N, C-alpha and C. Protein backbone atom coordinates (compact mmCIF):
# COMPACT_ATOMS: atom_id res chain seq x y z
N CYS A 1 6.57 15.48 -1.54
CA CYS A 1 7.15 14.25 -0.56
C CYS A 1 6.05 14.29 0.99
N ARG A 2 5.53 15.17 1.27
CA ARG A 2 4.18 14.82 2.54
C ARG A 2 2.94 14.11 1.53
N ASP A 3 2.64 14.52 0.34
CA ASP A 3 1.58 14.16 -0.41
C ASP A 3 1.77 12.69 -0.79
N ALA A 4 2.77 12.37 -0.96
CA ALA A 4 3.55 10.87 -1.04
C ALA A 4 3.21 10.12 0.02
N ARG A 5 3.72 10.47 0.80
CA ARG A 5 3.35 9.83 2.12
C ARG A 5 1.97 9.75 2.80
N GLU A 6 1.07 10.78 2.45
CA GLU A 6 -0.27 10.48 2.69
C GLU A 6 -0.68 9.68 1.93
N GLN A 7 -0.71 9.59 0.64
CA GLN A 7 -1.33 8.73 -0.19
C GLN A 7 -0.69 7.24 -0.06
N ALA A 8 0.65 7.00 0.27
CA ALA A 8 1.18 5.75 0.67
C ALA A 8 0.34 5.10 1.89
N SER A 9 0.38 5.96 2.91
CA SER A 9 -0.35 5.91 4.11
C SER A 9 -2.03 5.50 3.81
N GLU A 10 -2.32 5.92 3.04
CA GLU A 10 -3.83 5.78 2.67
C GLU A 10 -3.47 4.35 2.13
N LEU A 11 -2.60 3.96 1.04
CA LEU A 11 -2.72 2.73 0.50
C LEU A 11 -2.71 1.73 1.51
N MET A 12 -2.11 1.93 2.21
CA MET A 12 -1.45 0.85 3.40
C MET A 12 -2.86 0.71 4.47
N GLY A 13 -3.57 1.58 4.39
CA GLY A 13 -4.90 1.19 4.97
C GLY A 13 -5.73 0.24 4.39
N TYR A 14 -5.83 0.69 3.11
CA TYR A 14 -6.57 -0.51 2.44
C TYR A 14 -5.79 -1.75 2.51
N VAL A 15 -4.63 -1.64 2.45
CA VAL A 15 -3.78 -2.87 2.24
C VAL A 15 -4.53 -3.89 3.44
N ARG A 16 -4.09 -3.04 4.94
CA ARG A 16 -4.94 -3.80 6.36
C ARG A 16 -6.32 -4.28 6.09
N GLU A 17 -7.24 -3.37 5.50
CA GLU A 17 -8.42 -3.88 5.50
C GLU A 17 -8.83 -4.92 4.45
N LEU A 18 -7.81 -4.90 3.34
CA LEU A 18 -8.08 -6.10 2.45
C LEU A 18 -7.18 -7.44 2.84
N THR A 19 -6.60 -7.25 3.52
CA THR A 19 -5.91 -8.41 4.30
C THR A 19 -6.64 -9.00 5.41
N ILE A 20 -7.47 -8.29 5.98
CA ILE A 20 -8.49 -8.75 7.06
C ILE A 20 -9.28 -9.59 6.16
N ILE A 21 -10.02 -9.11 5.43
CA ILE A 21 -11.12 -9.82 4.77
C ILE A 21 -10.61 -10.72 3.84
N GLY A 22 -9.86 -10.46 3.51
CA GLY A 22 -9.28 -12.36 2.69
C GLY A 22 -8.91 -13.32 3.55
N LEU A 23 -8.53 -12.99 4.89
CA LEU A 23 -8.07 -13.64 5.89
C LEU A 23 -9.20 -14.26 6.46
N MET A 24 -9.91 -13.31 6.73
CA MET A 24 -11.50 -13.99 7.58
C MET A 24 -12.33 -14.45 6.75
N ASP A 25 -12.19 -13.97 5.38
CA ASP A 25 -13.59 -14.57 4.54
C ASP A 25 -12.96 -15.89 3.61
N GLU A 26 -11.91 -15.95 3.66
CA GLU A 26 -10.96 -16.95 3.07
C GLU A 26 -11.15 -16.38 1.68
N LYS A 27 -10.98 -15.34 1.19
CA LYS A 27 -10.69 -14.78 -0.51
C LYS A 27 -9.21 -14.33 -0.75
N PRO A 28 -8.81 -15.43 -1.21
CA PRO A 28 -7.26 -15.00 -1.70
C PRO A 28 -7.27 -13.99 -2.87
N MET A 29 -8.12 -13.59 -3.53
CA MET A 29 -8.16 -12.26 -4.37
C MET A 29 -7.83 -11.29 -3.58
N MET A 30 -8.21 -10.81 -2.42
CA MET A 30 -8.31 -9.81 -1.82
C MET A 30 -7.00 -9.97 -1.17
N ILE A 31 -5.93 -10.85 -0.83
CA ILE A 31 -5.03 -10.93 -0.32
C ILE A 31 -3.91 -10.61 -1.24
N TRP A 32 -4.22 -11.20 -2.66
CA TRP A 32 -3.18 -10.43 -3.86
C TRP A 32 -3.64 -8.99 -4.20
N ALA A 33 -4.86 -8.55 -3.85
CA ALA A 33 -5.19 -7.33 -4.17
C ALA A 33 -4.25 -6.56 -3.30
N SER A 34 -4.17 -6.84 -1.78
CA SER A 34 -3.39 -6.13 -0.76
C SER A 34 -1.79 -6.33 -0.99
N HIS A 35 -1.12 -7.35 -1.56
CA HIS A 35 -0.06 -7.54 -1.88
C HIS A 35 0.03 -6.19 -3.22
N TYR A 36 -0.47 -6.16 -3.89
CA TYR A 36 -0.36 -5.31 -5.45
C TYR A 36 -0.19 -3.72 -4.77
N LEU A 37 -1.38 -3.49 -3.81
CA LEU A 37 -1.49 -2.34 -3.10
C LEU A 37 -0.20 -1.62 -2.46
N SER A 38 0.40 -2.79 -1.84
CA SER A 38 1.75 -2.66 -0.81
C SER A 38 2.64 -2.42 -1.74
N ALA A 39 2.71 -2.98 -2.93
CA ALA A 39 3.50 -2.70 -3.94
C ALA A 39 3.71 -1.14 -4.25
N MET A 40 2.56 -0.91 -4.74
CA MET A 40 2.35 0.39 -4.94
C MET A 40 2.58 1.52 -4.20
N ALA A 41 2.56 1.28 -2.79
CA ALA A 41 2.97 2.30 -1.55
C ALA A 41 4.56 2.13 -1.32
N LYS A 42 4.96 1.01 -1.74
CA LYS A 42 6.16 1.28 -1.58
C LYS A 42 6.94 2.03 -2.34
N ALA A 43 6.52 1.89 -3.99
CA ALA A 43 6.87 2.61 -4.90
C ALA A 43 6.63 4.19 -4.78
N LEU A 44 5.76 4.34 -4.07
CA LEU A 44 5.41 6.08 -3.64
C LEU A 44 6.25 6.45 -2.83
N MET A 45 6.78 5.63 -1.61
CA MET A 45 7.47 5.77 -1.00
C MET A 45 9.24 6.27 -1.54
N ASP A 46 9.45 5.20 -2.04
CA ASP A 46 10.83 5.21 -3.04
C ASP A 46 11.14 6.25 -3.50
N ASP A 47 9.91 6.62 -4.36
CA ASP A 47 10.12 8.08 -5.55
C ASP A 47 10.22 9.19 -4.06
N ALA A 48 9.36 9.36 -3.30
CA ALA A 48 9.51 10.33 -2.52
C ALA A 48 10.94 10.49 -1.97
N GLU A 49 11.67 9.39 -1.40
CA GLU A 49 12.88 9.36 -0.83
C GLU A 49 13.91 9.96 -2.05
N LEU A 50 13.72 9.57 -3.60
CA LEU A 50 14.65 9.66 -4.34
C LEU A 50 14.85 11.14 -4.52
N GLY A 51 12.98 12.00 -4.55
CA GLY A 51 13.12 13.33 -5.01
C GLY A 51 13.78 14.19 -3.60
N MET A 52 13.56 13.56 -2.42
CA MET A 52 14.00 14.22 -1.42
C MET A 52 15.75 14.71 -1.59
N ALA A 53 16.20 13.36 -2.00
CA ALA A 53 18.00 13.28 -2.27
C ALA A 53 18.54 14.47 -3.09
N ARG A 54 17.60 14.62 -4.11
CA ARG A 54 18.09 15.59 -5.11
C ARG A 54 18.29 16.90 -4.68
């Protein structure tokens, strides 16, 4: 569970960076990449929560 949280945190850091780059440099592909990575981070956290419930 802790590993999943660490990985999700790292992904969210990338999401933040990509979002800022996408907005500042007007690069919509970076925004879409950040959207995809945020979904991956959410999936990691959801899986970790399910694992803890068992």
